[in-house]
Amino acid sequence: MSDTRARARILVSGRVQGVAYRSFAQEEAWRKGLSGGVRNLADGRVEVDAEGERPVVERFIETLTAGPPMARVTSVDVQWESPTRQDVGFHIWY
């Protein structure tokens, strides 16, 4: 069986702050069993770090592209990185 574990750093642009985007991302990550975290950036974007089985991370990215009802996502940039293999839950970073 091949190892399909993957980690993605995701930058989400648009109206993604002040619309419960971080809570949305955290809840979706918990549902999918992913580890990592999410934080607001000073430039108005949201940064997400997600790790898990690659197909699950890919579905998570699709969910982030839709966002919560009040959000308006204009772009999602993904950078794939080596997994850390640290299952520490999924947190909102401040």
PDB file of N, CA and C in Angstrom:
ATOM      1  N   MET A   1       0.849  -1.182   0.000  1.00  0.00           N
ATOM      2  CA  MET A   1       0.000   0.000   0.000  1.00  0.00           C
ATOM      3  C   MET A   1       0.890   1.239   0.000  1.00  0.00           C
ATOM      4  N   SER A   2       0.614   2.179  -0.881  1.00  0.00           N
ATOM      5  CA  SER A   2       1.439   3.385  -0.948  1.00  0.00           C
ATOM      6  C   SER A   2       0.966   4.408   0.075  1.00  0.00           C
ATOM      7  N   ASP A   3       1.896   5.236   0.495  1.00  0.00           N
ATOM      8  CA  ASP A   3       1.602   6.285   1.467  1.00  0.00           C
ATOM      9  C   ASP A   3       1.009   7.468   0.722  1.00  0.00           C
ATOM     10  N   THR A   4      -0.195   7.851   1.088  1.00  0.00           N
ATOM     11  CA  THR A   4      -0.859   8.962   0.405  1.00  0.00           C
ATOM     12  C   THR A   4      -0.997  10.181   1.309  1.00  0.00           C
ATOM     13  N   ARG A   5      -0.238  10.209   2.386  1.00  0.00           N
ATOM     14  CA  ARG A   5      -0.328  11.339   3.315  1.00  0.00           C
ATOM     15  C   ARG A   5       0.268  12.580   2.649  1.00  0.00           C
ATOM     16  N   ALA A   6      -0.392  13.721   2.844  1.00  0.00           N
ATOM     17  CA  ALA A   6       0.051  14.965   2.216  1.00  0.00           C
ATOM     18  C   ALA A   6      -0.236  16.143   3.136  1.00  0.00           C
ATOM     19  N   ARG A   7       0.480  17.221   2.871  1.00  0.00           N
ATOM     20  CA  ARG A   7       0.292  18.463   3.624  1.00  0.00           C
ATOM     21  C   ARG A   7       0.189  19.600   2.616  1.00  0.00           C
ATOM     22  N   ALA A   8      -0.762  20.486   2.849  1.00  0.00           N
ATOM     23  CA  ALA A   8      -0.950  21.625   1.948  1.00  0.00           C
ATOM     24  C   ALA A   8      -0.974  22.916   2.746  1.00  0.00           C
ATOM     25  N   ARG A   9      -0.259  23.916   2.234  1.00  0.00           N
ATOM     26  CA  ARG A   9      -0.377  25.285   2.740  1.00  0.00           C
ATOM     27  C   ARG A   9      -1.260  26.004   1.736  1.00  0.00           C
ATOM     28  N   ILE A  10      -2.340  26.575   2.246  1.00  0.00           N
ATOM     29  CA  ILE A  10      -3.379  27.122   1.393  1.00  0.00           C
ATOM     30  C   ILE A  10      -3.586  28.591   1.749  1.00  0.00           C
ATOM     31  N   LEU A  11      -3.539  29.452   0.756  1.00  0.00           N
ATOM     32  CA  LEU A  11      -3.819  30.876   0.951  1.00  0.00           C
ATOM     33  C   LEU A  11      -5.129  31.197   0.248  1.00  0.00           C
ATOM     34  N   VAL A  12      -6.087  31.700   1.029  1.00  0.00           N
ATOM     35  CA  VAL A  12      -7.422  31.979   0.513  1.00  0.00           C
ATOM     36  C   VAL A  12      -7.627  33.492   0.482  1.00  0.00           C
ATOM     37  N   SER A  13      -8.011  34.009  -0.681  1.00  0.00           N
ATOM     38  CA  SER A  13      -8.236  35.447  -0.866  1.00  0.00           C
ATOM     39  C   SER A  13      -9.709  35.723  -1.124  1.00  0.00           C
ATOM     40  N   GLY A  14     -10.090  36.967  -0.879  1.00  0.00           N
ATOM     41  CA  GLY A  14     -11.461  37.408  -1.104  1.00  0.00           C
ATOM     42  C   GLY A  14     -12.024  37.984   0.178  1.00  0.00           C
ATOM     43  N   ARG A  15     -13.339  37.921   0.310  1.00  0.00           N
ATOM     44  CA  ARG A  15     -13.961  38.344   1.573  1.00  0.00           C
ATOM     45  C   ARG A  15     -13.974  37.117   2.480  1.00  0.00           C
ATOM     46  N   VAL A  16     -12.874  36.951   3.221  1.00  0.00           N
ATOM     47  CA  VAL A  16     -12.691  35.744   4.029  1.00  0.00           C
ATOM     48  C   VAL A  16     -12.377  36.051   5.490  1.00  0.00           C
ATOM     49  N   GLN A  17     -12.350  37.317   5.857  1.00  0.00           N
ATOM     50  CA  GLN A  17     -12.184  37.690   7.263  1.00  0.00           C
ATOM     51  C   GLN A  17     -13.457  38.378   7.734  1.00  0.00           C
ATOM     52  N   GLY A  18     -13.822  38.115   8.984  1.00  0.00           N
ATOM     53  CA  GLY A  18     -15.040  38.692   9.534  1.00  0.00           C
ATOM     54  C   GLY A  18     -16.307  37.990   9.073  1.00  0.00           C
ATOM     55  N   VAL A  19     -16.162  36.786   8.507  1.00  0.00           N
ATOM     56  CA  VAL A  19     -17.310  36.024   8.001  1.00  0.00           C
ATOM     57  C   VAL A  19     -17.314  34.586   8.528  1.00  0.00           C
ATOM     58  N   ALA A  20     -16.619  34.346   9.644  1.00  0.00           N
ATOM     59  CA  ALA A  20     -16.527  33.021  10.288  1.00  0.00           C
ATOM     60  C   ALA A  20     -15.809  31.990   9.419  1.00  0.00           C
ATOM     61  N   TYR A  21     -14.899  32.455   8.575  1.00  0.00           N
ATOM     62  CA  TYR A  21     -14.179  31.536   7.688  1.00  0.00           C
ATOM     63  C   TYR A  21     -13.278  30.587   8.469  1.00  0.00           C
ATOM     64  N   ARG A  22     -12.576  31.087   9.488  1.00  0.00           N
ATOM     65  CA  ARG A  22     -11.685  30.217  10.264  1.00  0.00           C
ATOM     66  C   ARG A  22     -12.469  29.123  10.980  1.00  0.00           C
ATOM     67  N   SER A  23     -13.589  29.474  11.574  1.00  0.00           N
ATOM     68  CA  SER A  23     -14.424  28.473  12.256  1.00  0.00           C
ATOM     69  C   SER A  23     -14.957  27.445  11.261  1.00  0.00           C
ATOM     70  N   PHE A  24     -15.353  27.923  10.089  1.00  0.00           N
ATOM     71  CA  PHE A  24     -15.815  27.042   9.022  1.00  0.00           C
ATOM     72  C   PHE A  24     -14.717  26.051   8.634  1.00  0.00           C
ATOM     73  N   ALA A  25     -13.503  26.561   8.423  1.00  0.00           N
ATOM     74  CA  ALA A  25     -12.381  25.704   8.035  1.00  0.00           C
ATOM     75  C   ALA A  25     -12.080  24.682   9.128  1.00  0.00           C
ATOM     76  N   GLN A  26     -12.088  25.122  10.384  1.00  0.00           N
ATOM     77  CA  GLN A  26     -11.805  24.213  11.495  1.00  0.00           C
ATOM     78  C   GLN A  26     -12.850  23.101  11.567  1.00  0.00           C
ATOM     79  N   GLU A  27     -14.115  23.451  11.473  1.00  0.00           N
ATOM     80  CA  GLU A  27     -15.181  22.453  11.542  1.00  0.00           C
ATOM     81  C   GLU A  27     -15.072  21.448  10.399  1.00  0.00           C
ATOM     82  N   GLU A  28     -14.812  21.933   9.193  1.00  0.00           N
ATOM     83  CA  GLU A  28     -14.662  21.040   8.040  1.00  0.00           C
ATOM     84  C   GLU A  28     -13.439  20.133   8.197  1.00  0.00           C
ATOM     85  N   ALA A  29     -12.351  20.675   8.729  1.00  0.00           N
ATOM     86  CA  ALA A  29     -11.148  19.865   8.949  1.00  0.00           C
ATOM     87  C   ALA A  29     -11.422  18.777   9.983  1.00  0.00           C
ATOM     88  N   TRP A  30     -12.120  19.132  11.057  1.00  0.00           N
ATOM     89  CA  TRP A  30     -12.472  18.126  12.072  1.00  0.00           C
ATOM     90  C   TRP A  30     -13.308  17.015  11.452  1.00  0.00           C
ATOM     91  N   ARG A  31     -14.300  17.393  10.648  1.00  0.00           N
ATOM     92  CA  ARG A  31     -15.164  16.393   9.999  1.00  0.00           C
ATOM     93  C   ARG A  31     -14.364  15.438   9.127  1.00  0.00           C
ATOM     94  N   LYS A  32     -13.323  15.958   8.519  1.00  0.00           N
ATOM     95  CA  LYS A  32     -12.527  15.152   7.594  1.00  0.00           C
ATOM     96  C   LYS A  32     -11.334  14.474   8.270  1.00  0.00           C
ATOM     97  N   GLY A  33     -11.132  14.726   9.561  1.00  0.00           N
ATOM     98  CA  GLY A  33     -10.037  14.090  10.286  1.00  0.00           C
ATOM     99  C   GLY A  33      -8.665  14.646   9.947  1.00  0.00           C
ATOM    100  N   LEU A  34      -8.595  15.912   9.564  1.00  0.00           N
ATOM    101  CA  LEU A  34      -7.323  16.529   9.194  1.00  0.00           C
ATOM    102  C   LEU A  34      -6.672  17.196  10.400  1.00  0.00           C
ATOM    103  N   SER A  35      -5.368  17.373  10.328  1.00  0.00           N
ATOM    104  CA  SER A  35      -4.646  18.133  11.350  1.00  0.00           C
ATOM    105  C   SER A  35      -4.099  19.398  10.708  1.00  0.00           C
ATOM    106  N   GLY A  36      -3.734  20.362  11.560  1.00  0.00           N
ATOM    107  CA  GLY A  36      -3.185  21.622  11.069  1.00  0.00           C
ATOM    108  C   GLY A  36      -3.819  22.805  11.759  1.00  0.00           C
ATOM    109  N   GLY A  37      -4.025  23.882  10.999  1.00  0.00           N
ATOM    110  CA  GLY A  37      -4.608  25.077  11.592  1.00  0.00           C
ATOM    111  C   GLY A  37      -4.923  26.127  10.551  1.00  0.00           C
ATOM    112  N   VAL A  38      -5.539  27.200  11.048  1.00  0.00           N
ATOM    113  CA  VAL A  38      -5.975  28.289  10.177  1.00  0.00           C
ATOM    114  C   VAL A  38      -5.766  29.607  10.909  1.00  0.00           C
ATOM    115  N   ARG A  39      -5.392  30.652  10.156  1.00  0.00           N
ATOM    116  CA  ARG A  39      -5.203  31.975  10.763  1.00  0.00           C
ATOM    117  C   ARG A  39      -5.489  33.063   9.740  1.00  0.00           C
ATOM    118  N   ASN A  40      -5.891  34.235  10.268  1.00  0.00           N
ATOM    119  CA  ASN A  40      -6.020  35.426   9.435  1.00  0.00           C
ATOM    120  C   ASN A  40      -4.637  36.019   9.212  1.00  0.00           C
ATOM    121  N   LEU A  41      -4.402  36.559   8.034  1.00  0.00           N
ATOM    122  CA  LEU A  41      -3.170  37.282   7.733  1.00  0.00           C
ATOM    123  C   LEU A  41      -3.463  38.780   7.696  1.00  0.00           C
ATOM    124  N   ALA A  42      -2.454  39.573   7.955  1.00  0.00           N
ATOM    125  CA  ALA A  42      -2.608  41.032   7.999  1.00  0.00           C
ATOM    126  C   ALA A  42      -3.067  41.609   6.661  1.00  0.00           C
ATOM    127  N   ASP A  43      -2.787  40.919   5.565  1.00  0.00           N
ATOM    128  CA  ASP A  43      -3.156  41.436   4.241  1.00  0.00           C
ATOM    129  C   ASP A  43      -4.589  41.087   3.825  1.00  0.00           C
ATOM    130  N   GLY A  44      -5.362  40.478   4.739  1.00  0.00           N
ATOM    131  CA  GLY A  44      -6.759  40.162   4.455  1.00  0.00           C
ATOM    132  C   GLY A  44      -7.009  38.745   3.998  1.00  0.00           C
ATOM    133  N   ARG A  45      -5.958  37.997   3.719  1.00  0.00           N
ATOM    134  CA  ARG A  45      -6.125  36.603   3.323  1.00  0.00           C
ATOM    135  C   ARG A  45      -6.231  35.716   4.558  1.00  0.00           C
ATOM    136  N   VAL A  46      -6.588  34.457   4.332  1.00  0.00           N
ATOM    137  CA  VAL A  46      -6.582  33.438   5.368  1.00  0.00           C
ATOM    138  C   VAL A  46      -5.586  32.369   4.941  1.00  0.00           C
ATOM    139  N   GLU A  47      -4.747  31.946   5.888  1.00  0.00           N
ATOM    140  CA  GLU A  47      -3.773  30.884   5.643  1.00  0.00           C
ATOM    141  C   GLU A  47      -4.254  29.620   6.334  1.00  0.00           C
ATOM    142  N   VAL A  48      -4.229  28.512   5.605  1.00  0.00           N
ATOM    143  CA  VAL A  48      -4.645  27.221   6.135  1.00  0.00           C
ATOM    144  C   VAL A  48      -3.508  26.233   5.930  1.00  0.00           C
ATOM    145  N   ASP A  49      -3.217  25.467   6.963  1.00  0.00           N
ATOM    146  CA  ASP A  49      -2.228  24.394   6.891  1.00  0.00           C
ATOM    147  C   ASP A  49      -2.985  23.114   7.206  1.00  0.00           C
ATOM    148  N   ALA A  50      -3.075  22.205   6.240  1.00  0.00           N
ATOM    149  CA  ALA A  50      -3.869  20.991   6.417  1.00  0.00           C
ATOM    150  C   ALA A  50      -3.060  19.760   6.055  1.00  0.00           C
ATOM    151  N   GLU A  51      -3.176  18.736   6.892  1.00  0.00           N
ATOM    152  CA  GLU A  51      -2.454  17.485   6.654  1.00  0.00           C
ATOM    153  C   GLU A  51      -3.376  16.300   6.884  1.00  0.00           C
ATOM    154  N   GLY A  52      -3.233  15.318   6.004  1.00  0.00           N
ATOM    155  CA  GLY A  52      -4.019  14.091   6.096  1.00  0.00           C
ATOM    156  C   GLY A  52      -3.817  13.283   4.829  1.00  0.00           C
ATOM    157  N   GLU A  53      -4.704  12.353   4.572  1.00  0.00           N
ATOM    158  CA  GLU A  53      -4.627  11.589   3.333  1.00  0.00           C
ATOM    159  C   GLU A  53      -4.888  12.537   2.160  1.00  0.00           C
ATOM    160  N   ARG A  54      -4.066  12.429   1.120  1.00  0.00           N
ATOM    161  CA  ARG A  54      -4.136  13.416   0.024  1.00  0.00           C
ATOM    162  C   ARG A  54      -5.536  13.575  -0.576  1.00  0.00           C
ATOM    163  N   PRO A  55      -6.271  12.499  -0.849  1.00  0.00           N
ATOM    164  CA  PRO A  55      -7.613  12.710  -1.408  1.00  0.00           C
ATOM    165  C   PRO A  55      -8.530  13.505  -0.473  1.00  0.00           C
ATOM    166  N   VAL A  56      -8.350  13.327   0.829  1.00  0.00           N
ATOM    167  CA  VAL A  56      -9.162  14.056   1.808  1.00  0.00           C
ATOM    168  C   VAL A  56      -8.757  15.531   1.826  1.00  0.00           C
ATOM    169  N   VAL A  57      -7.453  15.797   1.765  1.00  0.00           N
ATOM    170  CA  VAL A  57      -6.978  17.185   1.722  1.00  0.00           C
ATOM    171  C   VAL A  57      -7.494  17.865   0.452  1.00  0.00           C
ATOM    172  N   GLU A  58      -7.499  17.155  -0.664  1.00  0.00           N
ATOM    173  CA  GLU A  58      -8.002  17.730  -1.915  1.00  0.00           C
ATOM    174  C   GLU A  58      -9.483  18.086  -1.807  1.00  0.00           C
ATOM    175  N   ARG A  59     -10.286  17.214  -1.178  1.00  0.00           N
ATOM    176  CA  ARG A  59     -11.708  17.521  -0.975  1.00  0.00           C
ATOM    177  C   ARG A  59     -11.871  18.716  -0.038  1.00  0.00           C
ATOM    178  N   PHE A  60     -11.003  18.800   0.982  1.00  0.00           N
ATOM    179  CA  PHE A  60     -11.033  19.926   1.913  1.00  0.00           C
ATOM    180  C   PHE A  60     -10.778  21.235   1.165  1.00  0.00           C
ATOM    181  N   ILE A  61      -9.818  21.229   0.257  1.00  0.00           N
ATOM    182  CA  ILE A  61      -9.514  22.427  -0.534  1.00  0.00           C
ATOM    183  C   ILE A  61     -10.734  22.835  -1.365  1.00  0.00           C
ATOM    184  N   GLU A  62     -11.445  21.863  -1.925  1.00  0.00           N
ATOM    185  CA  GLU A  62     -12.672  22.173  -2.666  1.00  0.00           C
ATOM    186  C   GLU A  62     -13.696  22.847  -1.756  1.00  0.00           C
ATOM    187  N   THR A  63     -13.813  22.353  -0.524  1.00  0.00           N
ATOM    188  CA  THR A  63     -14.736  22.936   0.450  1.00  0.00           C
ATOM    189  C   THR A  63     -14.320  24.360   0.789  1.00  0.00           C
ATOM    190  N   LEU A  64     -13.009  24.589   0.964  1.00  0.00           N
ATOM    191  CA  LEU A  64     -12.516  25.937   1.269  1.00  0.00           C
ATOM    192  C   LEU A  64     -12.811  26.906   0.132  1.00  0.00           C
ATOM    193  N   THR A  65     -12.802  26.415  -1.088  1.00  0.00           N
ATOM    194  CA  THR A  65     -13.081  27.255  -2.247  1.00  0.00           C
ATOM    195  C   THR A  65     -14.513  27.777  -2.214  1.00  0.00           C
ATOM    196  N   ALA A  66     -15.431  26.963  -1.724  1.00  0.00           N
ATOM    197  CA  ALA A  66     -16.826  27.396  -1.586  1.00  0.00           C
ATOM    198  C   ALA A  66     -16.975  28.341  -0.396  1.00  0.00           C
ATOM    199  N   GLY A  67     -16.386  27.987   0.736  1.00  0.00           N
ATOM    200  CA  GLY A  67     -16.437  28.827   1.928  1.00  0.00           C
ATOM    201  C   GLY A  67     -17.802  28.848   2.589  1.00  0.00           C
ATOM    202  N   PRO A  68     -17.897  29.539   3.736  1.00  0.00           N
ATOM    203  CA  PRO A  68     -19.178  29.673   4.430  1.00  0.00           C
ATOM    204  C   PRO A  68     -20.084  30.661   3.687  1.00  0.00           C
ATOM    205  N   PRO A  69     -21.371  30.723   4.054  1.00  0.00           N
ATOM    206  CA  PRO A  69     -22.330  31.548   3.300  1.00  0.00           C
ATOM    207  C   PRO A  69     -21.951  33.019   3.122  1.00  0.00           C
ATOM    208  N   MET A  70     -21.374  33.662   4.121  1.00  0.00           N
ATOM    209  CA  MET A  70     -21.081  35.093   4.017  1.00  0.00           C
ATOM    210  C   MET A  70     -19.747  35.397   3.318  1.00  0.00           C
ATOM    211  N   ALA A  71     -18.955  34.381   3.060  1.00  0.00           N
ATOM    212  CA  ALA A  71     -17.649  34.582   2.421  1.00  0.00           C
ATOM    213  C   ALA A  71     -17.806  34.694   0.908  1.00  0.00           C
ATOM    214  N   ARG A  72     -16.809  35.326   0.297  1.00  0.00           N
ATOM    215  CA  ARG A  72     -16.712  35.342  -1.162  1.00  0.00           C
ATOM    216  C   ARG A  72     -15.248  35.082  -1.503  1.00  0.00           C
ATOM    217  N   VAL A  73     -14.962  33.856  -1.850  1.00  0.00           N
ATOM    218  CA  VAL A  73     -13.593  33.445  -2.161  1.00  0.00           C
ATOM    219  C   VAL A  73     -13.289  33.813  -3.608  1.00  0.00           C
ATOM    220  N   THR A  74     -12.172  34.535  -3.800  1.00  0.00           N
ATOM    221  CA  THR A  74     -11.774  34.916  -5.160  1.00  0.00           C
ATOM    222  C   THR A  74     -10.602  34.090  -5.673  1.00  0.00           C
ATOM    223  N   SER A  75      -9.771  33.560  -4.763  1.00  0.00           N
ATOM    224  CA  SER A  75      -8.690  32.676  -5.203  1.00  0.00           C
ATOM    225  C   SER A  75      -8.223  31.802  -4.053  1.00  0.00           C
ATOM    226  N   VAL A  76      -7.737  30.629  -4.430  1.00  0.00           N
ATOM    227  CA  VAL A  76      -7.174  29.671  -3.481  1.00  0.00           C
ATOM    228  C   VAL A  76      -5.856  29.194  -4.073  1.00  0.00           C
ATOM    229  N   ASP A  77      -4.763  29.509  -3.398  1.00  0.00           N
ATOM    230  CA  ASP A  77      -3.434  29.096  -3.852  1.00  0.00           C
ATOM    231  C   ASP A  77      -2.936  27.982  -2.945  1.00  0.00           C
ATOM    232  N   VAL A  78      -2.499  26.883  -3.550  1.00  0.00           N
ATOM    233  CA  VAL A  78      -2.086  25.701  -2.794  1.00  0.00           C
ATOM    234  C   VAL A  78      -0.623  25.400  -3.064  1.00  0.00           C
ATOM    235  N   GLN A  79       0.112  25.162  -1.991  1.00  0.00           N
ATOM    236  CA  GLN A  79       1.499  24.709  -2.091  1.00  0.00           C
ATOM    237  C   GLN A  79       1.588  23.389  -1.331  1.00  0.00           C
ATOM    238  N   TRP A  80       1.956  22.328  -2.029  1.00  0.00           N
ATOM    239  CA  TRP A  80       2.089  21.014  -1.401  1.00  0.00           C
ATOM    240  C   TRP A  80       3.455  20.905  -0.752  1.00  0.00           C
ATOM    241  N   GLU A  81       3.474  20.364   0.466  1.00  0.00           N
ATOM    242  CA  GLU A  81       4.709  20.219   1.233  1.00  0.00           C
ATOM    243  C   GLU A  81       4.792  18.810   1.801  1.00  0.00           C
ATOM    244  N   SER A  82       5.940  18.468   2.337  1.00  0.00           N
ATOM    245  CA  SER A  82       6.107  17.162   2.973  1.00  0.00           C
ATOM    246  C   SER A  82       5.292  17.108   4.254  1.00  0.00           C
ATOM    247  N   PRO A  83       4.601  15.995   4.493  1.00  0.00           N
ATOM    248  CA  PRO A  83       3.819  15.881   5.724  1.00  0.00           C
ATOM    249  C   PRO A  83       4.709  15.852   6.957  1.00  0.00           C
ATOM    250  N   THR A  84       4.191  16.402   8.056  1.00  0.00           N
ATOM    251  CA  THR A  84       4.932  16.396   9.323  1.00  0.00           C
ATOM    252  C   THR A  84       4.637  15.147  10.133  1.00  0.00           C
ATOM    253  N   ARG A  85       3.499  14.517   9.850  1.00  0.00           N
ATOM    254  CA  ARG A  85       3.037  13.323  10.571  1.00  0.00           C
ATOM    255  C   ARG A  85       2.770  13.601  12.047  1.00  0.00           C
ATOM    256  N   GLN A  86       2.421  14.829  12.349  1.00  0.00           N
ATOM    257  CA  GLN A  86       2.069  15.202  13.719  1.00  0.00           C
ATOM    258  C   GLN A  86       0.569  15.438  13.774  1.00  0.00           C
ATOM    259  N   ASP A  87      -0.157  14.448  14.242  1.00  0.00           N
ATOM    260  CA  ASP A  87      -1.606  14.577  14.359  1.00  0.00           C
ATOM    261  C   ASP A  87      -1.932  15.279  15.662  1.00  0.00           C
ATOM    262  N   VAL A  88      -2.022  16.595  15.607  1.00  0.00           N
ATOM    263  CA  VAL A  88      -2.236  17.394  16.819  1.00  0.00           C
ATOM    264  C   VAL A  88      -3.588  18.108  16.783  1.00  0.00           C
ATOM    265  N   GLY A  89      -4.504  17.654  15.958  1.00  0.00           N
ATOM    266  CA  GLY A  89      -5.785  18.326  15.835  1.00  0.00           C
ATOM    267  C   GLY A  89      -5.708  19.468  14.842  1.00  0.00           C
ATOM    268  N   PHE A  90      -6.784  20.217  14.757  1.00  0.00           N
ATOM    269  CA  PHE A  90      -6.848  21.347  13.832  1.00  0.00           C
ATOM    270  C   PHE A  90      -7.268  22.566  14.630  1.00  0.00           C
ATOM    271  N   HIS A  91      -6.443  23.603  14.609  1.00  0.00           N
ATOM    272  CA  HIS A  91      -6.604  24.741  15.508  1.00  0.00           C
ATOM    273  C   HIS A  91      -6.778  26.054  14.760  1.00  0.00           C
ATOM    274  N   ILE A  92      -7.429  26.994  15.428  1.00  0.00           N
ATOM    275  CA  ILE A  92      -7.448  28.376  14.957  1.00  0.00           C
ATOM    276  C   ILE A  92      -6.280  29.069  15.635  1.00  0.00           C
ATOM    277  N   TRP A  93      -5.365  29.594  14.829  1.00  0.00           N
ATOM    278  CA  TRP A  93      -4.202  30.305  15.362  1.00  0.00           C
ATOM    279  C   TRP A  93      -4.484  31.798  15.363  1.00  0.00           C
ATOM    280  N   TYR A  94      -4.078  32.461  16.439  1.00  0.00           N
ATOM    281  CA  TYR A  94      -4.293  33.914  16.564  1.00  0.00           C
ATOM    282  C   TYR A  94      -2.975  34.643  16.521  1.00  0.00           C
TER     283      TYR A  94
END
